[in-house]
Every structure is written in C-alpha cells, then in structure tokens.
Amino acid sequence: MKIIILADAYFEDTVYQVNNFVKYYLKDGHKVVVICSTIKNIFNFYNDVYDKNTPEDTKEIGNLKIIRLKYSLNILFKIRKFRNINQILSVEQPDLIFVQDIHFNLHDACKYKLNHNKNCRIIMNFHADFSNSASNILSYYLLHKFIRNLYLNINLKHIDKIFPIIDKSKLFLIKMYSIPESKLEILPIGVDTDLFFKYKDSDNINRLKTQLGIPSDGIVVFSGGKIEEFKKSDIILHAFNSLLNKKIFLIIVGKIVDKDPLFSDNYKKLISENKNVIFLGWKNQDELYSYMSICDIALFPSSQTVLWQYSIGMGMVLIAGKHLEYKNGKTFEQDLDYLNLNNNVIVLDKNASYVNQIIDILNDLSSNVDKLELMKAGAKKTTSDFLDFNKLIKKTFNN
C-alpha cells in the first residue's frame, strides 16, 4: 500500500506521533511519502520561525520519501498551505492519505480521491482541544467557528474517519465543527514498543545507572520535554530539594524554552543545589528512550505532553496534574483517566500543595517496592492493550 502523510512539520529522529506512524507503516510493509514544510528545526516550528528562502527538497530512504515544500500561504502561522500538491498526488497515487489536523491542503487530497482514485482512504488525526486552541474570541469565532469549520465541512464527505487523540479533542470537533460522532474514533498517541523492548534490558540499565552515578537499587524519576513555568517544571525541583530520601534520583531530559530569564536562572540554580538531580538537556529519540529505560516513575505536574504516553510505554508509574493554568489566568482540566486503565497513574490534587504531594508520593512508592512494581506492571498492560503502535496503525485501515 502507498501511504501519504500530509503534515505541517516532520522532524527526523524525534519521538512525535507522526514519526511513529511512519516507522510502523514501513514496518508493516507499506511505502510512505511524507509531504511537509521546509522547517527542520523543532524549536523554530513551535516558535513560528519560518525562513521562506530555505529550499525545497526531496529525500528517499528505502520505502520512505520525504518531500519538503515551501508555504504558498502562511497567515500568522494559523492558516498554512503548500503550493498545489495535485501533481505529487497524481504521481505517487496513494491508497491512503493521512492528514495531520485540519491542514489547508486537505482539499487537494479530496480532489485526488474524487478524480483519480475513489477507493483512496482519507483519514485525519486531530490534536486540538480547549486547553490549547480557541483560547480567545478571535481564535474561537473567526479561526475555528468560521474558517476551519467551513473548510473542514466542505471536505467532510470525502474523509473516511477523523481520529481525535483524546475525548476532549473529540468534544472539540463536535462543539466547534459539528462533526457527527459516526465520523470520529479515539486514536491515542501511542508508544514505540519496539524501542521499549530494545532498551529495557538489564545490561543497558546497569550501564547507564553506573554512568550517571545512580546505585543499582536507586529509584529513578523522569521528567522533561519543553521546560516552562506554566508547566510547573520548577515545582518538581522544589519538591526534590525538600526530599530527604537520597535513594530517589531525578533525570530531566529537555530544554528550557521559557523566555523569562528569572524563571530560567532560578531553574538552573535549583538544579545545581541537588546532586540527585541530573539534567541531560535535549536528546534525540534513541537517547531519550535509553535514559527513560532506567526510570521507574514519570512526573509532570501540569500540561499534557506526549511524554505521558511514552513514560507509560517504558513501564513507568505516571504522576501528573490534570489542572492546567496559563499565565493569563485561564485554567483547564485535562484528560488522564483514559491512560489509567490498570492503576498506573497517580493524579495530583489541585487543591493541595504539589510539593508536599510529590514528596509524600515518592516516599510512599520508594518504601513500598511491591506497590511500585505492581503499578509499573499496570503501565505495561496499559501499553499492550491501548498504546501499542503495532495495533494502532491497524485502526487507520478500518472503517
């Protein structure tokens, strides 16, 4: 089968969802073509940095082809489309077109299906919810309720299935775009189980623990990603610096992206005050999974992240906050229950001190090894039942 993935961005050697779809489609024996922008730096993309002088290019690696195109339309980084991609579609002749969110080349995919291959399956993956989108009047009414609503519904009859990643994304599609439930199916962000098995072996774990100065019986907590104040990243450090249990270590894999120098300087100072805190910086996919393999617990006080799923996939207990509060005062409740299928998630209470809760939870899990191991086994079962990409890709083929 020939599969085209249409996405604004594709970053090689990262652990984002689209990368795993590419990997597992290839593993399943399919040919994959990714059509994406010329932006190759992940931080440029998230900071809306686009150099229109970057040349287009095409790269082929076995059964994978990556076609990078310039934007022919880019309005405030909210409405973006490539030049007409009809020629690419007619040359590649896909059997399945996977569209990442409401991409403004969706109509080209529908046109190809209508005129060239009526059996071509078009699916759309959808990540937005009210915690990250439609956050002001202009965005709510103009961008979503009018522009994207109109565009999506014009093309809706040609789309076979829309896959929101969580229930709140499904609710967003229903409320903002009036999409019928029959078109929707939850497809969670999955985990790369092949890498899970590759790195989760005793030799790798012992080597890395020795390298980092962690004793073999040490309890290791993982956190990281994009480090910002609204994610309460510093609260983790405050908790660790008040934690008297020196058997517990913290590994942070990520990058400080908060532009406030006061936050950045304070965060670095808090790290320097504790020898049990190991800051590793930003790592590529293989390095990230390798370091995650030695961890027992994942800790994210605020803001949903793909690292929730990856932590569970690596067999960790997840400690996370459902309550998200932005600097402008807006608050949201995030989904966590759908990941807690086997008592493998601990949810922080928004009405109590996060620092005290984290200390108490970590002390409890470190002193009750049987409880910790039972919850880690629950994480592995949740992965097998719900998050395994070997199974998730099969859903994209079914009506």
Foldseek 3Di string as FASTA:
>chain_A
DEEEEEDADDEPLAFFLVVLLVVLCVVVPYAYEYEYALDHDPVCLVVVNDDQPRDWDWDDDPSYIYTHFGWPDQDPNLATDGPQCLVVCVVRVGQEYEYEALHPNLVSVLVCCVPPNVNRAYEYEHEDACVVFPVDPCRQCPVQQPDSLVSCVVSVVSHQAYEYQDVRRVVCCCVRNVDDCVRYDHQHRFEALVLLVVQQDPVLLVVVCVVLVQDPLAAEEEEEAADEVQQVNQLVLVLVLVAPPPSYAYEYAYAHPYPDVVVVVVSVVSQVNDSRYHYDYHDGNSVVSSVLLNHAAYETAEDDDSVQNHNLSNLHQYEYEQWGADPVGDIDGHDDVLQCPQVRYHYDDPVDRPSVVVSVVVVVCSVCVVVSNSSSVSSNVSNVVRRHPNPSSVVSVDD
